[in-house]
C-alpha atoms as a PDB file:
ATOM      1  CA  UNK A   1      88.238 133.929 104.165  1.00  0.00           C
ATOM      2  CA  UNK A   2      87.792 134.716 100.514  1.00  0.00           C
ATOM      3  CA  UNK A   3      90.085 133.636  98.009  1.00  0.00           C
ATOM      4  CA  UNK A   4      90.601 134.398  94.555  1.00  0.00           C
ATOM      5  CA  UNK A   5      90.579 131.112  92.636  1.00  0.00           C
ATOM      6  CA  UNK A   6      92.624 133.229  89.835  1.00  0.00           C
ATOM      7  CA  UNK A   7      95.504 132.975  91.887  1.00  0.00           C
ATOM      8  CA  UNK A   8      95.264 128.993  92.845  1.00  0.00           C
ATOM      9  CA  UNK A   9      98.019 127.453  91.359  1.00  0.00           C
ATOM     10  CA  UNK A  10      98.524 123.310  91.190  1.00  0.00           C
ATOM     11  CA  UNK A  11     102.733 122.906  92.199  1.00  0.00           C
ATOM     12  CA  UNK A  12     102.810 119.753  90.918  1.00  0.00           C
ATOM     13  CA  UNK A  13     106.594 117.446  92.382  1.00  0.00           C
ATOM     14  CA  UNK A  14     107.327 114.488  90.824  1.00  0.00           C
ATOM     15  CA  UNK A  15     107.749 111.672  93.526  1.00  0.00           C
ATOM     16  CA  UNK A  16     110.207 109.843  91.673  1.00  0.00           C
ATOM     17  CA  UNK A  17     113.320 111.612  91.310  1.00  0.00           C
ATOM     18  CA  UNK A  18     115.329 112.432  94.341  1.00  0.00           C
ATOM     19  CA  UNK A  19     114.701 116.335  94.545  1.00  0.00           C
ATOM     20  CA  UNK A  20     113.775 116.387  98.805  1.00  0.00           C
ATOM     21  CA  UNK A  21     109.924 117.046  98.047  1.00  0.00           C
ATOM     22  CA  UNK A  22     107.850 115.598 100.677  1.00  0.00           C
ATOM     23  CA  UNK A  23     104.028 116.753 101.693  1.00  0.00           C
ATOM     24  CA  UNK A  24     105.674 117.547 104.986  1.00  0.00           C
ATOM     25  CA  UNK A  25     108.464 120.497 102.597  1.00  0.00           C
ATOM     26  CA  UNK A  26     107.193 124.254 103.285  1.00  0.00           C
ATOM     27  CA  UNK A  27     105.631 126.471 100.664  1.00  0.00           C
ATOM     28  CA  UNK A  28     109.151 127.900  99.789  1.00  0.00           C
ATOM     29  CA  UNK A  29     110.744 124.874  99.471  1.00  0.00           C
ATOM     30  CA  UNK A  30     108.452 123.745  96.843  1.00  0.00           C
ATOM     31  CA  UNK A  31     108.401 127.212  94.983  1.00  0.00           C
ATOM     32  CA  UNK A  32     112.015 126.925  94.873  1.00  0.00           C
ATOM     33  CA  UNK A  33     112.135 122.748  94.138  1.00  0.00           C
ATOM     34  CA  UNK A  34     113.679 122.644  89.641  1.00  0.00           C
ATOM     35  CA  UNK A  35     110.963 120.262  88.909  1.00  0.00           C
ATOM     36  CA  UNK A  36     108.553 122.485  89.448  1.00  0.00           C
ATOM     37  CA  UNK A  37     105.381 122.121  87.161  1.00  0.00           C
ATOM     38  CA  UNK A  38     102.589 124.741  88.195  1.00  0.00           C
ATOM     39  CA  UNK A  39      98.874 124.466  87.076  1.00  0.00           C
ATOM     40  CA  UNK A  40      96.078 126.249  87.146  1.00  0.00           C
ATOM     41  CA  UNK A  41      93.158 124.362  88.374  1.00  0.00           C
ATOM     42  CA  UNK A  42      91.336 123.561  85.678  1.00  0.00           C
ATOM     43  CA  UNK A  43      95.060 122.916  83.247  1.00  0.00           C
ATOM     44  CA  UNK A  44      96.047 120.223  85.945  1.00  0.00           C
ATOM     45  CA  UNK A  45      92.674 118.177  85.677  1.00  0.00           C
ATOM     46  CA  UNK A  46      93.104 118.476  82.105  1.00  0.00           C
ATOM     47  CA  UNK A  47      96.977 116.718  82.504  1.00  0.00           C
ATOM     48  CA  UNK A  48      95.048 114.472  85.506  1.00  0.00           C
ATOM     49  CA  UNK A  49      92.360 113.012  82.889  1.00  0.00           C
ATOM     50  CA  UNK A  50      94.849 112.929  80.215  1.00  0.00           C
ATOM     51  CA  UNK A  51      97.416 110.888  81.642  1.00  0.00           C
ATOM     52  CA  UNK A  52     100.315 113.467  81.307  1.00  0.00           C
ATOM     53  CA  UNK A  53     101.487 113.465  84.883  1.00  0.00           C
ATOM     54  CA  UNK A  54     103.458 110.555  86.362  1.00  0.00           C
ATOM     55  CA  UNK A  55     103.312 109.546  89.899  1.00  0.00           C
ATOM     56  CA  UNK A  56     103.582 112.882  92.220  1.00  0.00           C
ATOM     57  CA  UNK A  57     103.097 115.276  95.022  1.00  0.00           C
ATOM     58  CA  UNK A  58     100.278 117.969  94.437  1.00  0.00           C
ATOM     59  CA  UNK A  59      99.940 121.256  96.369  1.00  0.00           C
ATOM     60  CA  UNK A  60      97.076 123.920  95.738  1.00  0.00           C
ATOM     61  CA  UNK A  61      99.026 126.785  96.218  1.00  0.00           C
ATOM     62  CA  UNK A  62      97.513 130.844  97.090  1.00  0.00           C
ATOM     63  CA  UNK A  63     100.384 132.535  94.787  1.00  0.00           C
ATOM     64  CA  UNK A  64      99.271 135.736  96.423  1.00  0.00           C
ATOM     65  CA  UNK A  65      99.915 134.852 100.218  1.00  0.00           C
ATOM     66  CA  UNK A  66     102.453 131.785  99.015  1.00  0.00           C
ATOM     67  CA  UNK A  67     100.284 129.276 101.449  1.00  0.00           C
ATOM     68  CA  UNK A  68      99.845 126.161 101.390  1.00  0.00           C
ATOM     69  CA  UNK A  69      95.718 125.650 101.153  1.00  0.00           C
ATOM     70  CA  UNK A  70      94.619 122.447 102.787  1.00  0.00           C
ATOM     71  CA  UNK A  71      90.928 122.459 103.039  1.00  0.00           C
ATOM     72  CA  UNK A  72      88.171 119.659 103.334  1.00  0.00           C
ATOM     73  CA  UNK A  73      85.416 121.572 100.930  1.00  0.00           C
ATOM     74  CA  UNK A  74      85.906 124.825  98.972  1.00  0.00           C
ATOM     75  CA  UNK A  75      82.519 126.423  98.634  1.00  0.00           C
ATOM     76  CA  UNK A  76      80.971 129.213  96.889  1.00  0.00           C
ATOM     77  CA  UNK A  77      80.283 130.786  93.321  1.00  0.00           C
ATOM     78  CA  UNK A  78      81.129 133.664  91.331  1.00  0.00           C
ATOM     79  CA  UNK A  79      84.954 133.614  92.130  1.00  0.00           C
ATOM     80  CA  UNK A  80      83.794 134.018  96.175  1.00  0.00           C
ATOM     81  CA  UNK A  81      84.879 130.978  97.166  1.00  0.00           C
ATOM     82  CA  UNK A  82      85.497 129.751 101.066  1.00  0.00           C
ATOM     83  CA  UNK A  83      87.474 127.922 102.763  1.00  0.00           C
ATOM     84  CA  UNK A  84      85.998 125.707 105.407  1.00  0.00           C
ATOM     85  CA  UNK A  85      89.283 124.547 107.755  1.00  0.00           C
ATOM     86  CA  UNK A  86      88.958 121.737 109.657  1.00  0.00           C
ATOM     87  CA  UNK A  87      91.450 122.033 112.702  1.00  0.00           C
ATOM     88  CA  UNK A  88      94.551 118.856 112.845  1.00  0.00           C
ATOM     89  CA  UNK A  89      93.765 117.707 116.057  1.00  0.00           C
ATOM     90  CA  UNK A  90      89.574 117.130 115.312  1.00  0.00           C
ATOM     91  CA  UNK A  91      90.500 115.632 112.442  1.00  0.00           C
ATOM     92  CA  UNK A  92      93.072 112.952 114.179  1.00  0.00           C
ATOM     93  CA  UNK A  93      89.883 112.735 117.123  1.00  0.00           C
ATOM     94  CA  UNK A  94      87.710 111.914 114.059  1.00  0.00           C
ATOM     95  CA  UNK A  95      90.049 109.434 112.649  1.00  0.00           C
ATOM     96  CA  UNK A  96      90.700 107.638 115.981  1.00  0.00           C
ATOM     97  CA  UNK A  97      86.908 107.224 117.158  1.00  0.00           C
ATOM     98  CA  UNK A  98      86.424 105.449 113.829  1.00  0.00           C
ATOM     99  CA  UNK A  99      89.388 102.868 114.484  1.00  0.00           C
ATOM    100  CA  UNK A 100      88.333 102.950 118.137  1.00  0.00           C
ATOM    101  CA  UNK A 101      84.840 101.910 117.159  1.00  0.00           C
ATOM    102  CA  UNK A 102      85.561  99.723 113.548  1.00  0.00           C
ATOM    103  CA  UNK A 103      88.951  98.402 114.567  1.00  0.00           C
ATOM    104  CA  UNK A 104      92.223  98.697 112.806  1.00  0.00           C
ATOM    105  CA  UNK A 105      92.248 100.159 109.072  1.00  0.00           C
ATOM    106  CA  UNK A 106      94.182  97.930 106.567  1.00  0.00           C
ATOM    107  CA  UNK A 107      94.054  99.624 103.264  1.00  0.00           C
ATOM    108  CA  UNK A 108      95.116  96.264 101.938  1.00  0.00           C
ATOM    109  CA  UNK A 109      92.017  94.189 103.096  1.00  0.00           C
ATOM    110  CA  UNK A 110      89.808  96.706 102.314  1.00  0.00           C
ATOM    111  CA  UNK A 111      91.455  96.884  98.657  1.00  0.00           C
ATOM    112  CA  UNK A 112      92.199 100.645  98.596  1.00  0.00           C
ATOM    113  CA  UNK A 113      96.076 101.332  97.498  1.00  0.00           C
ATOM    114  CA  UNK A 114      98.473 101.769 100.103  1.00  0.00           C
ATOM    115  CA  UNK A 115      99.522 105.478 100.391  1.00  0.00           C
ATOM    116  CA  UNK A 116     102.405 106.269  99.152  1.00  0.00           C
ATOM    117  CA  UNK A 117     104.540 108.370 102.354  1.00  0.00           C
ATOM    118  CA  UNK A 118     107.416 109.046 100.175  1.00  0.00           C
ATOM    119  CA  UNK A 119     109.652 107.884  97.360  1.00  0.00           C
ATOM    120  CA  UNK A 120     112.874 108.665  96.106  1.00  0.00           C
ATOM    121  CA  UNK A 121     115.465 106.491  93.601  1.00  0.00           C
ATOM    122  CA  UNK A 122     119.575 105.831  94.835  1.00  0.00           C
ATOM    123  CA  UNK A 123     122.072 104.000  93.215  1.00  0.00           C
ATOM    124  CA  UNK A 124     121.321 101.433  95.290  1.00  0.00           C
ATOM    125  CA  UNK A 125     117.274 100.933  93.957  1.00  0.00           C
ATOM    126  CA  UNK A 126     114.168 102.559  94.367  1.00  0.00           C
ATOM    127  CA  UNK A 127     112.828 102.777  97.898  1.00  0.00           C
ATOM    128  CA  UNK A 128     109.025 103.969  98.476  1.00  0.00           C
ATOM    129  CA  UNK A 129     107.507 104.135 101.855  1.00  0.00           C
ATOM    130  CA  UNK A 130     103.860 103.592 102.163  1.00  0.00           C
ATOM    131  CA  UNK A 131     101.175 104.590 104.835  1.00  0.00           C
ATOM    132  CA  UNK A 132      99.625 101.238 104.770  1.00  0.00           C
ATOM    133  CA  UNK A 133      97.840 100.389 108.375  1.00  0.00           C
ATOM    134  CA  UNK A 134      96.052 103.266 110.724  1.00  0.00           C
ATOM    135  CA  UNK A 135      95.890 102.512 114.361  1.00  0.00           C
ATOM    136  CA  UNK A 136      94.186 103.956 117.382  1.00  0.00           C
ATOM    137  CA  UNK A 137      97.278 105.958 117.975  1.00  0.00           C
ATOM    138  CA  UNK A 138     100.031 105.706 115.144  1.00  0.00           C
ATOM    139  CA  UNK A 139      99.916 104.673 111.292  1.00  0.00           C
ATOM    140  CA  UNK A 140     101.745 101.424 110.106  1.00  0.00           C
ATOM    141  CA  UNK A 141     104.206 102.839 107.386  1.00  0.00           C
ATOM    142  CA  UNK A 142     106.223 100.141 105.260  1.00  0.00           C
ATOM    143  CA  UNK A 143     109.387 101.069 103.226  1.00  0.00           C
ATOM    144  CA  UNK A 144     109.879  98.986 100.158  1.00  0.00           C
ATOM    145  CA  UNK A 145     113.561  98.657  97.733  1.00  0.00           C
ATOM    146  CA  UNK A 146     112.202  97.813  94.517  1.00  0.00           C
ATOM    147  CA  UNK A 147     109.137  96.374  95.712  1.00  0.00           C
ATOM    148  CA  UNK A 148     110.604  94.187  98.462  1.00  0.00           C
ATOM    149  CA  UNK A 149     110.130  94.754 101.782  1.00  0.00           C
ATOM    150  CA  UNK A 150     112.553  96.475 103.536  1.00  0.00           C
ATOM    151  CA  UNK A 151     111.576  97.903 106.941  1.00  0.00           C
ATOM    152  CA  UNK A 152     108.346  98.931 108.893  1.00  0.00           C
ATOM    153  CA  UNK A 153     107.902 102.005 111.237  1.00  0.00           C
ATOM    154  CA  UNK A 154     105.741 103.328 113.224  1.00  0.00           C
ATOM    155  CA  UNK A 155     104.845 107.239 113.186  1.00  0.00           C
ATOM    156  CA  UNK A 156     101.927 109.231 115.757  1.00  0.00           C
ATOM    157  CA  UNK A 157      99.170 111.490 113.738  1.00  0.00           C
ATOM    158  CA  UNK A 158     100.629 114.476 114.975  1.00  0.00           C
ATOM    159  CA  UNK A 159     104.100 113.917 112.652  1.00  0.00           C
ATOM    160  CA  UNK A 160     102.092 113.713 109.796  1.00  0.00           C
ATOM    161  CA  UNK A 161     101.437 116.683 107.859  1.00  0.00           C
ATOM    162  CA  UNK A 162      97.716 118.327 107.114  1.00  0.00           C
ATOM    163  CA  UNK A 163      97.542 117.279 103.816  1.00  0.00           C
ATOM    164  CA  UNK A 164      98.056 113.276 104.910  1.00  0.00           C
ATOM    165  CA  UNK A 165      95.993 113.815 107.939  1.00  0.00           C
ATOM    166  CA  UNK A 166      93.139 114.531 105.260  1.00  0.00           C
ATOM    167  CA  UNK A 167      93.617 111.640 102.747  1.00  0.00           C
ATOM    168  CA  UNK A 168      93.608 109.346 106.486  1.00  0.00           C
ATOM    169  CA  UNK A 169      90.199 110.750 107.337  1.00  0.00           C
ATOM    170  CA  UNK A 170      88.640 110.157 104.183  1.00  0.00           C
ATOM    171  CA  UNK A 171      89.887 106.895 103.505  1.00  0.00           C
ATOM    172  CA  UNK A 172      88.730 106.244 107.554  1.00  0.00           C
ATOM    173  CA  UNK A 173      85.267 108.104 107.089  1.00  0.00           C
ATOM    174  CA  UNK A 174      84.733 105.672 103.556  1.00  0.00           C
ATOM    175  CA  UNK A 175      85.700 102.454 105.904  1.00  0.00           C
ATOM    176  CA  UNK A 176      83.073 103.398 108.227  1.00  0.00           C
ATOM    177  CA  UNK A 177      80.611 104.211 105.637  1.00  0.00           C
ATOM    178  CA  UNK A 178      81.300 100.971 104.333  1.00  0.00           C
ATOM    179  CA  UNK A 179      81.238  98.591 107.712  1.00  0.00           C
ATOM    180  CA  UNK A 180      78.033 100.284 108.472  1.00  0.00           C
ATOM    181  CA  UNK A 181      76.157  99.515 104.775  1.00  0.00           C
ATOM    182  CA  UNK A 182      77.890  96.290 105.801  1.00  0.00           C
ATOM    183  CA  UNK A 183      75.897  96.374 109.892  1.00  0.00           C
ATOM    184  CA  UNK A 184      72.367  97.401 108.152  1.00  0.00           C
ATOM    185  CA  UNK A 185      73.052  94.649 105.556  1.00  0.00           C
ATOM    186  CA  UNK A 186      73.295  92.151 108.185  1.00  0.00           C
ATOM    187  CA  UNK A 187      69.916  93.493 110.310  1.00  0.00           C
END
């Protein structure tokens, strides 16, 4: 699939407000959000580097087709980009094989930052939920209110968005590499 990079925008939505947007939101919901900021890819990276953006969701959207691009790699030159996609089931199976081989992945124990799953403000405080552990068939999500742990829940990988699965796969692959390097250094 060829895409025109000039038609791509990064949609940025703050996570600190009660706008209802999550990683599971549709493109229509994202584009209809009143807090939406659209950036070209270059401008988005500049804003990130200049620390102009607070906590936010970001979505890569093809504005011509109104689709979100969840890709592992974007390759090409001269604006002839191709998106290499791996289906969600294959990604989940890879995560499960890493957990099966190396054990439960705890982001806290590995000095990885917890993965922000959702967040919103209410008159009762700021609620944030973080994915903190990856098990064989599900993830553990811990819910905090004003930095105090309130509750936890478990979600199957199938219930998570493609973007979250992509991020979990990246962390799982880092974990696998780290443990493989440790194992090789002991030999």
